[in-house]
Each structure stands twice: as C-alpha cells, then as structure tokens.
Amino acid sequence: MAEVDALAEAGGGMTPKHAVNEAKVSQYPPTDFDTEPDWCATARELLLNDQADKALKLADRGLRAAVKAKDKRNEARARQMQALVLNELAQQDPMDIVEVTTSAAKALKVAGDPRGELWTLRLQALLLCEVLKFEESLAVVKRMQVLASESGHSDQEAMAELTHAEVCVAVGLPRYAEGKDAANVALCPGMG
C-alpha cells in the first residue's frame, strides 16, 4: 500500500508538513452527521489553497460559537477541524496536535460520531508514532479497532487495520503483513 510505504519512508522525521500527511490523512474528515457548519467547507477550501492560518482562525471561531451555543455536534466538528488544520501547519509541535485530537475524540464520542472519532484517533496514532511514542500509538490503535469492530462497517475496520499496519511499520514490528492483509480483506471482502 502506498500509504504505508510513504509512512515508512518518512521514518518519523519532520517534513515541511508532518509525516502524517504522507500517510494520507484525509482533508475531508468523515462524519456520521448529515450536515456540518458552512464554515467547514470554507476551511477545507482555505487548506487546499495553502491558507492554513486562515482556516485555523475559522475553526477557532466555529469552536467558540459552538461552545457558546452549547451545540455538542458542532463543537465536536470544530475540534476535529482544528486537528486537521493544525496537522497542515509546518511548524506545529505534533504533541500539541495530539492534545487537540484527544479533546476532539472525546467531543466526537459525546456527540455520537463514531466515524469522526475513528478518523481523529487515526490522526492521533500516527502523530504519536511521529514523536516515537509507540506504546501510546498502539494503545490508540487498539481503541480504533474496538470502535471499528463495534460499528460493523467494513470501511471503518479497514481504516483501523491500515493504521495498525502503518504503526507496525513505524515501530518495526513484524505484524505489518498481518495488518495489511486484514485491511485488504476489510476493504474487499470477496477477495480474502
């Protein structure tokens, strides 16, 4: 898988953006909600135009508005978008982003968005690998696998297994092939 190979080549070092970007963390974080605040589309457009600073300000404003309105769904989405944008900023400390992903995952859980929570945990696991916190990263992967298993959706199970494979590559564990095979089976059930 190209994503796994890219992460292995990145070797955990800092690139102009975080090595996590090499693992193809989506610019469109998934959600189980039918709608999202209008500013989310604008923030993604700003990211695509290399205006991450403006996108972060927009996400911060969205978070403040959601907290003020006591809107748990929009608060969760705003925290998730903050994590996405911070990951795009070149000079951001990965551990600062991990803190944001931690609060985002909690907010997404409270809001009832397991798909969004899974994406956020993926980002967190890959960032922890980047800063060589492998045990913590594997613990996050375990949470992902449980969440994905509970969902019963093959795409979520595939994301958890892919992340497991990527973390195993970074750690140097021989379980890479097992994780890769499990991800392929989850993505293409008829092929296993």
N, C-alpha and C. Protein backbone atom coordinates (compact mmCIF):
# COMPACT_ATOMS: atom_id res chain seq x y z
N MET A 1 0.84 -1.18 0.00
CA MET A 1 0.00 0.00 0.00
C MET A 1 0.88 1.24 0.00
N ALA A 2 0.56 2.17 -0.86
CA ALA A 2 1.37 3.37 -1.00
C ALA A 2 1.40 4.18 0.29
N GLU A 3 0.27 4.22 1.01
CA GLU A 3 0.23 5.00 2.25
C GLU A 3 1.22 4.45 3.27
N VAL A 4 1.26 3.15 3.40
CA VAL A 4 2.16 2.52 4.37
C VAL A 4 3.61 2.75 3.96
N ASP A 5 3.90 2.59 2.67
CA ASP A 5 5.26 2.81 2.19
C ASP A 5 5.70 4.25 2.41
N ALA A 6 4.79 5.20 2.19
CA ALA A 6 5.13 6.61 2.39
C ALA A 6 5.46 6.88 3.85
N LEU A 7 4.68 6.29 4.76
CA LEU A 7 4.96 6.50 6.19
C LEU A 7 6.30 5.88 6.56
N ALA A 8 6.58 4.70 6.03
CA ALA A 8 7.85 4.04 6.34
C ALA A 8 9.02 4.87 5.83
N GLU A 9 8.88 5.45 4.63
CA GLU A 9 9.94 6.29 4.08
C GLU A 9 10.12 7.55 4.91
N ALA A 10 9.01 8.08 5.43
CA ALA A 10 9.09 9.30 6.23
C ALA A 10 9.90 9.05 7.50
N GLY A 11 9.85 7.84 8.01
CA GLY A 11 10.68 7.44 9.14
C GLY A 11 10.46 8.26 10.39
N GLY A 12 9.34 8.94 10.50
CA GLY A 12 9.06 9.69 11.70
C GLY A 12 9.69 11.07 11.73
N GLY A 13 10.48 11.44 10.74
CA GLY A 13 11.12 12.75 10.73
C GLY A 13 10.18 13.84 10.29
N MET A 14 10.53 15.05 10.62
CA MET A 14 9.70 16.19 10.22
C MET A 14 9.97 16.53 8.76
N THR A 15 8.93 16.71 8.03
CA THR A 15 8.99 17.18 6.66
C THR A 15 8.40 18.58 6.69
N PRO A 16 8.31 19.30 5.56
CA PRO A 16 7.70 20.61 5.63
C PRO A 16 6.34 20.58 6.33
N LYS A 17 5.61 19.51 6.16
CA LYS A 17 4.41 19.27 6.95
C LYS A 17 4.70 17.99 7.71
N HIS A 18 3.83 17.58 8.56
CA HIS A 18 4.09 16.40 9.38
C HIS A 18 4.12 15.14 8.54
N ALA A 19 4.87 14.16 9.00
CA ALA A 19 4.97 12.87 8.31
C ALA A 19 3.61 12.22 8.18
N VAL A 20 2.69 12.59 9.05
CA VAL A 20 1.34 12.05 8.99
C VAL A 20 0.71 12.34 7.64
N ASN A 21 1.05 13.47 7.05
CA ASN A 21 0.48 13.81 5.74
C ASN A 21 0.85 12.77 4.71
N GLU A 22 2.02 12.16 4.86
CA GLU A 22 2.44 11.11 3.94
C GLU A 22 1.54 9.89 4.06
N ALA A 23 0.88 9.73 5.18
CA ALA A 23 0.01 8.59 5.39
C ALA A 23 -1.41 8.87 4.89
N LYS A 24 -1.57 9.96 4.20
CA LYS A 24 -2.84 10.29 3.57
C LYS A 24 -3.99 10.41 4.56
N VAL A 25 -3.83 11.25 5.56
CA VAL A 25 -4.94 11.56 6.43
C VAL A 25 -5.83 12.51 5.64
N SER A 26 -7.05 12.13 5.44
CA SER A 26 -7.97 12.82 4.55
C SER A 26 -8.17 14.29 4.89
N GLN A 27 -8.28 15.11 3.82
CA GLN A 27 -8.61 16.52 4.01
C GLN A 27 -10.09 16.70 4.29
N TYR A 28 -10.85 15.64 4.14
CA TYR A 28 -12.29 15.70 4.39
C TYR A 28 -12.62 14.71 5.49
N PRO A 29 -12.36 15.09 6.73
CA PRO A 29 -12.59 14.13 7.81
C PRO A 29 -14.03 13.61 7.75
N PRO A 30 -14.19 12.31 7.83
CA PRO A 30 -15.53 11.74 7.75
C PRO A 30 -16.35 12.06 8.99
N THR A 31 -17.64 11.99 8.83
CA THR A 31 -18.56 12.22 9.93
C THR A 31 -19.80 11.38 9.71
N ASP A 32 -20.48 11.05 10.77
CA ASP A 32 -21.76 10.34 10.67
C ASP A 32 -22.92 11.32 10.61
N PHE A 33 -22.63 12.60 10.74
CA PHE A 33 -23.69 13.61 10.70
C PHE A 33 -24.05 13.95 9.26
N ASP A 34 -25.33 14.24 9.04
CA ASP A 34 -25.79 14.59 7.69
C ASP A 34 -25.35 15.98 7.27
N THR A 35 -25.21 16.86 8.23
CA THR A 35 -24.84 18.24 7.91
C THR A 35 -23.66 18.66 8.76
N GLU A 36 -23.02 19.73 8.33
CA GLU A 36 -21.94 20.33 9.09
C GLU A 36 -22.03 21.84 8.92
N PRO A 37 -21.41 22.60 9.81
CA PRO A 37 -21.46 24.05 9.67
C PRO A 37 -20.86 24.50 8.33
N ASP A 38 -21.39 25.57 7.77
CA ASP A 38 -20.92 26.08 6.47
C ASP A 38 -19.44 26.41 6.49
N TRP A 39 -18.93 26.86 7.63
CA TRP A 39 -17.53 27.27 7.68
C TRP A 39 -16.58 26.11 7.43
N CYS A 40 -17.02 24.86 7.62
CA CYS A 40 -16.14 23.70 7.40
C CYS A 40 -15.70 23.62 5.94
N ALA A 41 -16.63 23.84 5.02
CA ALA A 41 -16.28 23.81 3.59
C ALA A 41 -15.30 24.94 3.26
N THR A 42 -15.52 26.09 3.86
CA THR A 42 -14.62 27.23 3.64
C THR A 42 -13.23 26.91 4.19
N ALA A 43 -13.18 26.29 5.37
CA ALA A 43 -11.88 25.93 5.97
C ALA A 43 -11.13 24.94 5.08
N ARG A 44 -11.84 23.95 4.53
CA ARG A 44 -11.19 22.99 3.64
C ARG A 44 -10.67 23.67 2.38
N GLU A 45 -11.45 24.60 1.85
CA GLU A 45 -11.02 25.34 0.66
C GLU A 45 -9.76 26.15 0.97
N LEU A 46 -9.73 26.78 2.12
CA LEU A 46 -8.54 27.53 2.53
C LEU A 46 -7.33 26.61 2.64
N LEU A 47 -7.53 25.41 3.18
CA LEU A 47 -6.43 24.44 3.28
C LEU A 47 -5.91 24.06 1.90
N LEU A 48 -6.82 23.83 0.99
CA LEU A 48 -6.41 23.45 -0.37
C LEU A 48 -5.64 24.57 -1.06
N ASN A 49 -5.88 25.80 -0.64
CA ASN A 49 -5.18 26.97 -1.19
C ASN A 49 -4.01 27.40 -0.32
N ASP A 50 -3.51 26.50 0.52
CA ASP A 50 -2.36 26.76 1.38
C ASP A 50 -2.54 27.97 2.29
N GLN A 51 -3.73 28.11 2.82
CA GLN A 51 -4.03 29.20 3.76
C GLN A 51 -4.46 28.61 5.10
N ALA A 52 -3.60 27.76 5.65
CA ALA A 52 -3.92 27.05 6.88
C ALA A 52 -4.15 28.00 8.06
N ASP A 53 -3.40 29.11 8.10
CA ASP A 53 -3.58 30.06 9.21
C ASP A 53 -5.01 30.60 9.24
N LYS A 54 -5.53 30.95 8.07
CA LYS A 54 -6.91 31.45 7.99
C LYS A 54 -7.90 30.35 8.33
N ALA A 55 -7.62 29.14 7.88
CA ALA A 55 -8.51 28.01 8.18
C ALA A 55 -8.55 27.75 9.68
N LEU A 56 -7.41 27.89 10.36
CA LEU A 56 -7.36 27.68 11.80
C LEU A 56 -8.18 28.74 12.53
N LYS A 57 -8.08 29.98 12.10
CA LYS A 57 -8.89 31.05 12.71
C LYS A 57 -10.37 30.76 12.55
N LEU A 58 -10.74 30.26 11.38
CA LEU A 58 -12.14 29.92 11.11
C LEU A 58 -12.60 28.78 12.03
N ALA A 59 -11.77 27.76 12.19
CA ALA A 59 -12.11 26.64 13.07
C ALA A 59 -12.21 27.10 14.52
N ASP A 60 -11.30 27.98 14.93
CA ASP A 60 -11.35 28.51 16.30
C ASP A 60 -12.65 29.28 16.54
N ARG A 61 -13.03 30.10 15.55
CA ARG A 61 -14.30 30.85 15.67
C ARG A 61 -15.49 29.89 15.73
N GLY A 62 -15.44 28.86 14.91
CA GLY A 62 -16.52 27.87 14.91
C GLY A 62 -16.63 27.17 16.26
N LEU A 63 -15.48 26.88 16.86
CA LEU A 63 -15.48 26.23 18.18
C LEU A 63 -16.07 27.16 19.24
N ARG A 64 -15.64 28.41 19.24
CA ARG A 64 -16.17 29.36 20.22
C ARG A 64 -17.69 29.51 20.09
N ALA A 65 -18.17 29.60 18.85
CA ALA A 65 -19.61 29.75 18.62
C ALA A 65 -20.37 28.50 19.08
N ALA A 66 -19.82 27.33 18.81
CA ALA A 66 -20.49 26.08 19.21
C ALA A 66 -20.53 25.93 20.72
N VAL A 67 -19.43 26.27 21.39
CA VAL A 67 -19.38 26.18 22.86
C VAL A 67 -20.38 27.16 23.46
N LYS A 68 -20.41 28.37 22.92
CA LYS A 68 -21.34 29.38 23.42
C LYS A 68 -22.79 28.93 23.25
N ALA A 69 -23.08 28.29 22.11
CA ALA A 69 -24.44 27.82 21.82
C ALA A 69 -24.74 26.47 22.48
N LYS A 70 -23.74 25.88 23.14
CA LYS A 70 -23.86 24.56 23.76
C LYS A 70 -24.30 23.50 22.74
N ASP A 71 -23.72 23.60 21.55
CA ASP A 71 -24.02 22.69 20.44
C ASP A 71 -22.91 21.64 20.39
N LYS A 72 -23.17 20.47 20.95
CA LYS A 72 -22.15 19.41 21.06
C LYS A 72 -21.70 18.90 19.70
N ARG A 73 -22.61 18.80 18.74
CA ARG A 73 -22.23 18.29 17.41
C ARG A 73 -21.28 19.25 16.72
N ASN A 74 -21.61 20.52 16.70
CA ASN A 74 -20.74 21.49 16.04
C ASN A 74 -19.44 21.70 16.80
N GLU A 75 -19.50 21.56 18.13
CA GLU A 75 -18.26 21.64 18.91
C GLU A 75 -17.32 20.49 18.53
N ALA A 76 -17.88 19.31 18.41
CA ALA A 76 -17.08 18.14 18.03
C ALA A 76 -16.47 18.33 16.65
N ARG A 77 -17.27 18.80 15.71
CA ARG A 77 -16.76 19.00 14.34
C ARG A 77 -15.69 20.09 14.33
N ALA A 78 -15.87 21.15 15.11
CA ALA A 78 -14.88 22.22 15.16
C ALA A 78 -13.56 21.72 15.73
N ARG A 79 -13.62 20.91 16.76
CA ARG A 79 -12.39 20.36 17.34
C ARG A 79 -11.69 19.44 16.34
N GLN A 80 -12.48 18.66 15.60
CA GLN A 80 -11.91 17.78 14.59
C GLN A 80 -11.24 18.61 13.48
N MET A 81 -11.89 19.67 13.06
CA MET A 81 -11.32 20.53 12.01
C MET A 81 -10.06 21.23 12.52
N GLN A 82 -10.03 21.61 13.80
CA GLN A 82 -8.81 22.20 14.36
C GLN A 82 -7.65 21.22 14.23
N ALA A 83 -7.89 19.96 14.55
CA ALA A 83 -6.83 18.95 14.45
C ALA A 83 -6.36 18.82 13.01
N LEU A 84 -7.29 18.79 12.07
CA LEU A 84 -6.94 18.70 10.66
C LEU A 84 -6.06 19.87 10.24
N VAL A 85 -6.47 21.07 10.60
CA VAL A 85 -5.74 22.27 10.19
C VAL A 85 -4.37 22.33 10.87
N LEU A 86 -4.31 22.04 12.15
CA LEU A 86 -3.02 22.06 12.86
C LEU A 86 -2.04 21.08 12.24
N ASN A 87 -2.54 19.95 11.77
CA ASN A 87 -1.69 18.96 11.12
C ASN A 87 -1.08 19.51 9.84
N GLU A 88 -1.75 20.45 9.21
CA GLU A 88 -1.25 21.04 7.97
C GLU A 88 -0.21 22.14 8.21
N LEU A 89 -0.15 22.67 9.41
CA LEU A 89 0.80 23.74 9.71
C LEU A 89 2.20 23.16 9.91
N ALA A 90 3.16 23.69 9.19
CA ALA A 90 4.51 23.12 9.16
C ALA A 90 5.23 23.19 10.52
N GLN A 91 5.09 24.25 11.24
CA GLN A 91 5.88 24.44 12.46
C GLN A 91 5.16 23.99 13.73
N GLN A 92 4.06 23.29 13.59
CA GLN A 92 3.28 22.89 14.76
C GLN A 92 3.91 21.68 15.43
N ASP A 93 4.00 21.71 16.75
CA ASP A 93 4.52 20.58 17.51
C ASP A 93 3.50 19.44 17.46
N PRO A 94 3.93 18.24 17.04
CA PRO A 94 2.99 17.12 16.97
C PRO A 94 2.26 16.83 18.28
N MET A 95 2.93 17.04 19.41
CA MET A 95 2.27 16.78 20.69
C MET A 95 1.16 17.78 20.98
N ASP A 96 1.29 19.00 20.46
CA ASP A 96 0.19 19.97 20.59
C ASP A 96 -1.02 19.47 19.80
N ILE A 97 -0.76 18.90 18.63
CA ILE A 97 -1.86 18.38 17.82
C ILE A 97 -2.48 17.17 18.52
N VAL A 98 -1.66 16.35 19.16
CA VAL A 98 -2.17 15.19 19.89
C VAL A 98 -3.14 15.65 20.98
N GLU A 99 -2.81 16.74 21.67
CA GLU A 99 -3.72 17.28 22.69
C GLU A 99 -5.06 17.66 22.08
N VAL A 100 -5.01 18.29 20.91
CA VAL A 100 -6.25 18.69 20.23
C VAL A 100 -7.03 17.45 19.80
N THR A 101 -6.33 16.44 19.28
CA THR A 101 -7.03 15.22 18.86
C THR A 101 -7.67 14.50 20.05
N THR A 102 -7.03 14.59 21.20
CA THR A 102 -7.59 13.96 22.40
C THR A 102 -8.92 14.60 22.76
N SER A 103 -8.96 15.93 22.80
CA SER A 103 -10.22 16.61 23.13
C SER A 103 -11.24 16.43 22.01
N ALA A 104 -10.78 16.38 20.76
CA ALA A 104 -11.69 16.19 19.63
C ALA A 104 -12.33 14.80 19.69
N ALA A 105 -11.53 13.78 19.98
CA ALA A 105 -12.07 12.41 20.05
C ALA A 105 -13.11 12.29 21.16
N LYS A 106 -12.84 12.92 22.30
CA LYS A 106 -13.81 12.90 23.40
C LYS A 106 -15.10 13.60 22.98
N ALA A 107 -14.97 14.77 22.34
CA ALA A 107 -16.15 15.51 21.91
C ALA A 107 -16.95 14.74 20.86
N LEU A 108 -16.25 14.08 19.95
CA LEU A 108 -16.93 13.29 18.92
C LEU A 108 -17.65 12.10 19.53
N LYS A 109 -17.06 11.50 20.56
CA LYS A 109 -17.71 10.38 21.24
C LYS A 109 -19.00 10.86 21.92
N VAL A 110 -18.91 11.99 22.62
CA VAL A 110 -20.08 12.55 23.31
C VAL A 110 -21.17 12.92 22.30
N ALA A 111 -20.76 13.44 21.14
CA ALA A 111 -21.72 13.87 20.13
C ALA A 111 -22.30 12.69 19.34
N GLY A 112 -21.73 11.51 19.51
CA GLY A 112 -22.25 10.34 18.80
C GLY A 112 -21.81 10.25 17.36
N ASP A 113 -20.54 10.55 17.09
CA ASP A 113 -19.99 10.50 15.73
C ASP A 113 -18.82 9.52 15.69
N PRO A 114 -19.10 8.20 15.65
CA PRO A 114 -18.00 7.23 15.68
C PRO A 114 -17.10 7.30 14.45
N ARG A 115 -17.64 7.64 13.30
CA ARG A 115 -16.80 7.75 12.09
C ARG A 115 -15.80 8.89 12.25
N GLY A 116 -16.26 10.03 12.77
CA GLY A 116 -15.37 11.15 13.02
C GLY A 116 -14.36 10.85 14.11
N GLU A 117 -14.82 10.13 15.14
CA GLU A 117 -13.92 9.75 16.23
C GLU A 117 -12.81 8.83 15.72
N LEU A 118 -13.17 7.89 14.85
CA LEU A 118 -12.18 6.96 14.31
C LEU A 118 -11.12 7.70 13.50
N TRP A 119 -11.55 8.64 12.66
CA TRP A 119 -10.60 9.43 11.86
C TRP A 119 -9.65 10.19 12.78
N THR A 120 -10.20 10.78 13.83
CA THR A 120 -9.40 11.58 14.75
C THR A 120 -8.41 10.70 15.51
N LEU A 121 -8.83 9.51 15.89
CA LEU A 121 -7.92 8.58 16.55
C LEU A 121 -6.81 8.15 15.60
N ARG A 122 -7.12 8.01 14.32
CA ARG A 122 -6.09 7.66 13.32
C ARG A 122 -5.01 8.74 13.29
N LEU A 123 -5.44 9.98 13.22
CA LEU A 123 -4.50 11.09 13.21
C LEU A 123 -3.65 11.06 14.48
N GLN A 124 -4.30 10.84 15.61
CA GLN A 124 -3.58 10.80 16.89
C GLN A 124 -2.55 9.67 16.91
N ALA A 125 -2.92 8.49 16.46
CA ALA A 125 -1.99 7.35 16.46
C ALA A 125 -0.78 7.63 15.58
N LEU A 126 -1.00 8.21 14.41
CA LEU A 126 0.11 8.48 13.50
C LEU A 126 1.02 9.58 14.04
N LEU A 127 0.44 10.58 14.69
CA LEU A 127 1.26 11.64 15.29
C LEU A 127 2.09 11.09 16.45
N LEU A 128 1.51 10.22 17.25
CA LEU A 128 2.27 9.62 18.34
C LEU A 128 3.44 8.80 17.81
N CYS A 129 3.24 8.14 16.68
CA CYS A 129 4.35 7.41 16.03
C CYS A 129 5.43 8.39 15.60
N GLU A 130 5.01 9.51 15.08
CA GLU A 130 5.97 10.50 14.58
C GLU A 130 6.91 10.97 15.68
N VAL A 131 6.41 11.07 16.90
CA VAL A 131 7.25 11.51 18.02
C VAL A 131 7.78 10.32 18.83
N LEU A 132 7.72 9.14 18.22
CA LEU A 132 8.30 7.92 18.77
C LEU A 132 7.65 7.46 20.07
N LYS A 133 6.38 7.74 20.24
CA LYS A 133 5.62 7.25 21.39
C LYS A 133 4.81 6.04 20.93
N PHE A 134 5.55 4.96 20.68
CA PHE A 134 4.96 3.79 20.03
C PHE A 134 3.93 3.07 20.90
N GLU A 135 4.19 2.93 22.19
CA GLU A 135 3.23 2.24 23.05
C GLU A 135 1.91 2.99 23.09
N GLU A 136 1.98 4.32 23.22
CA GLU A 136 0.76 5.11 23.23
C GLU A 136 0.03 5.00 21.90
N SER A 137 0.81 4.99 20.81
CA SER A 137 0.22 4.87 19.48
C SER A 137 -0.50 3.54 19.32
N LEU A 138 0.12 2.47 19.77
CA LEU A 138 -0.52 1.15 19.69
C LEU A 138 -1.78 1.08 20.56
N ALA A 139 -1.78 1.79 21.69
CA ALA A 139 -2.97 1.83 22.54
C ALA A 139 -4.12 2.54 21.82
N VAL A 140 -3.80 3.61 21.11
CA VAL A 140 -4.82 4.32 20.33
C VAL A 140 -5.35 3.42 19.22
N VAL A 141 -4.45 2.69 18.57
CA VAL A 141 -4.87 1.76 17.52
C VAL A 141 -5.83 0.72 18.08
N LYS A 142 -5.55 0.22 19.28
CA LYS A 142 -6.46 -0.75 19.91
C LYS A 142 -7.85 -0.14 20.09
N ARG A 143 -7.90 1.13 20.54
CA ARG A 143 -9.18 1.82 20.68
C ARG A 143 -9.88 1.91 19.34
N MET A 144 -9.11 2.21 18.29
CA MET A 144 -9.68 2.29 16.94
C MET A 144 -10.28 0.95 16.53
N GLN A 145 -9.55 -0.13 16.79
CA GLN A 145 -10.02 -1.45 16.39
C GLN A 145 -11.31 -1.83 17.11
N VAL A 146 -11.41 -1.50 18.39
CA VAL A 146 -12.63 -1.78 19.15
C VAL A 146 -13.78 -0.95 18.59
N LEU A 147 -13.55 0.33 18.38
CA LEU A 147 -14.58 1.22 17.85
C LEU A 147 -15.05 0.75 16.48
N ALA A 148 -14.11 0.39 15.62
CA ALA A 148 -14.45 -0.07 14.27
C ALA A 148 -15.22 -1.38 14.33
N SER A 149 -14.81 -2.27 15.21
CA SER A 149 -15.49 -3.55 15.35
C SER A 149 -16.93 -3.35 15.82
N GLU A 150 -17.12 -2.44 16.76
CA GLU A 150 -18.46 -2.15 17.27
C GLU A 150 -19.35 -1.55 16.19
N SER A 151 -18.75 -0.80 15.26
CA SER A 151 -19.54 -0.15 14.21
C SER A 151 -20.08 -1.15 13.20
N GLY A 152 -19.31 -2.20 12.95
CA GLY A 152 -19.72 -3.19 11.97
C GLY A 152 -19.58 -2.74 10.53
N HIS A 153 -18.93 -1.60 10.29
CA HIS A 153 -18.73 -1.09 8.93
C HIS A 153 -17.35 -1.50 8.43
N SER A 154 -17.30 -2.13 7.28
CA SER A 154 -16.02 -2.64 6.77
C SER A 154 -15.02 -1.53 6.48
N ASP A 155 -15.50 -0.35 6.05
CA ASP A 155 -14.56 0.74 5.76
C ASP A 155 -13.89 1.23 7.04
N GLN A 156 -14.62 1.24 8.14
CA GLN A 156 -14.03 1.66 9.41
C GLN A 156 -13.06 0.61 9.93
N GLU A 157 -13.41 -0.65 9.74
CA GLU A 157 -12.49 -1.72 10.13
C GLU A 157 -11.22 -1.67 9.29
N ALA A 158 -11.37 -1.35 8.01
CA ALA A 158 -10.21 -1.24 7.13
C ALA A 158 -9.31 -0.09 7.56
N MET A 159 -9.91 1.05 7.96
CA MET A 159 -9.10 2.18 8.41
C MET A 159 -8.32 1.81 9.67
N ALA A 160 -8.96 1.11 10.58
CA ALA A 160 -8.28 0.70 11.81
C ALA A 160 -7.14 -0.26 11.50
N GLU A 161 -7.37 -1.20 10.60
CA GLU A 161 -6.33 -2.17 10.26
C GLU A 161 -5.19 -1.51 9.48
N LEU A 162 -5.52 -0.58 8.60
CA LEU A 162 -4.48 0.16 7.87
C LEU A 162 -3.62 0.94 8.85
N THR A 163 -4.25 1.62 9.79
CA THR A 163 -3.50 2.38 10.79
C THR A 163 -2.63 1.43 11.61
N HIS A 164 -3.16 0.28 11.96
CA HIS A 164 -2.38 -0.72 12.70
C HIS A 164 -1.14 -1.11 11.89
N ALA A 165 -1.32 -1.35 10.61
CA ALA A 165 -0.19 -1.73 9.75
C ALA A 165 0.84 -0.60 9.69
N GLU A 166 0.37 0.64 9.56
CA GLU A 166 1.29 1.78 9.48
C GLU A 166 2.09 1.94 10.77
N VAL A 167 1.42 1.77 11.90
CA VAL A 167 2.11 1.88 13.19
C VAL A 167 3.11 0.73 13.34
N CYS A 168 2.73 -0.47 12.92
CA CYS A 168 3.66 -1.60 12.99
C CYS A 168 4.91 -1.35 12.15
N VAL A 169 4.74 -0.75 10.98
CA VAL A 169 5.89 -0.42 10.14
C VAL A 169 6.79 0.56 10.88
N ALA A 170 6.19 1.60 11.46
CA ALA A 170 6.98 2.62 12.16
C ALA A 170 7.71 2.03 13.37
N VAL A 171 7.06 1.12 14.05
CA VAL A 171 7.64 0.51 15.25
C VAL A 171 8.66 -0.56 14.87
N GLY A 172 8.51 -1.12 13.68
CA GLY A 172 9.40 -2.19 13.25
C GLY A 172 8.90 -3.56 13.67
N LEU A 173 7.61 -3.66 13.94
CA LEU A 173 7.02 -4.94 14.33
C LEU A 173 6.75 -5.79 13.09
N PRO A 174 6.88 -7.08 13.19
CA PRO A 174 6.65 -7.96 12.04
C PRO A 174 5.18 -8.16 11.71
N ARG A 175 4.28 -7.48 12.40
CA ARG A 175 2.85 -7.68 12.17
C ARG A 175 2.34 -6.87 10.99
N TYR A 176 3.22 -6.18 10.27
CA TYR A 176 2.79 -5.36 9.14
C TYR A 176 1.97 -6.16 8.14
N ALA A 177 2.47 -7.31 7.74
CA ALA A 177 1.79 -8.11 6.71
C ALA A 177 0.40 -8.53 7.20
N GLU A 178 0.30 -8.90 8.47
CA GLU A 178 -0.99 -9.29 9.03
C GLU A 178 -1.98 -8.13 8.98
N GLY A 179 -1.54 -6.94 9.38
CA GLY A 179 -2.40 -5.76 9.34
C GLY A 179 -2.78 -5.38 7.93
N LYS A 180 -1.83 -5.47 7.02
CA LYS A 180 -2.10 -5.14 5.62
C LYS A 180 -3.12 -6.12 5.04
N ASP A 181 -2.95 -7.41 5.31
CA ASP A 181 -3.89 -8.41 4.81
C ASP A 181 -5.28 -8.18 5.39
N ALA A 182 -5.36 -7.87 6.68
CA ALA A 182 -6.66 -7.62 7.31
C ALA A 182 -7.33 -6.39 6.70
N ALA A 183 -6.53 -5.36 6.39
CA ALA A 183 -7.08 -4.16 5.77
C ALA A 183 -7.61 -4.49 4.38
N ASN A 184 -6.87 -5.27 3.62
CA ASN A 184 -7.32 -5.64 2.28
C ASN A 184 -8.61 -6.46 2.33
N VAL A 185 -8.70 -7.39 3.27
CA VAL A 185 -9.92 -8.20 3.41
C VAL A 185 -11.10 -7.32 3.79
N ALA A 186 -10.87 -6.35 4.69
CA ALA A 186 -11.96 -5.47 5.11
C ALA A 186 -12.41 -4.57 3.97
N LEU A 187 -11.46 -4.13 3.13
CA LEU A 187 -11.81 -3.27 2.00
C LEU A 187 -12.50 -4.05 0.89
N CYS A 188 -12.07 -5.27 0.66
CA CYS A 188 -12.59 -6.10 -0.44
C CYS A 188 -12.95 -7.48 0.12
N PRO A 189 -14.10 -7.61 0.81
CA PRO A 189 -14.44 -8.86 1.48
C PRO A 189 -14.41 -10.09 0.56
N GLY A 190 -14.74 -9.95 -0.68
CA GLY A 190 -14.76 -11.08 -1.59
C GLY A 190 -13.39 -11.55 -2.02
N MET A 191 -12.36 -10.74 -1.76
CA MET A 191 -11.01 -11.05 -2.21
C MET A 191 -10.24 -11.89 -1.20
N GLY A 192 -10.71 -11.96 0.08
CA GLY A 192 -9.95 -12.64 1.13
C GLY A 192 -10.18 -14.07 1.08
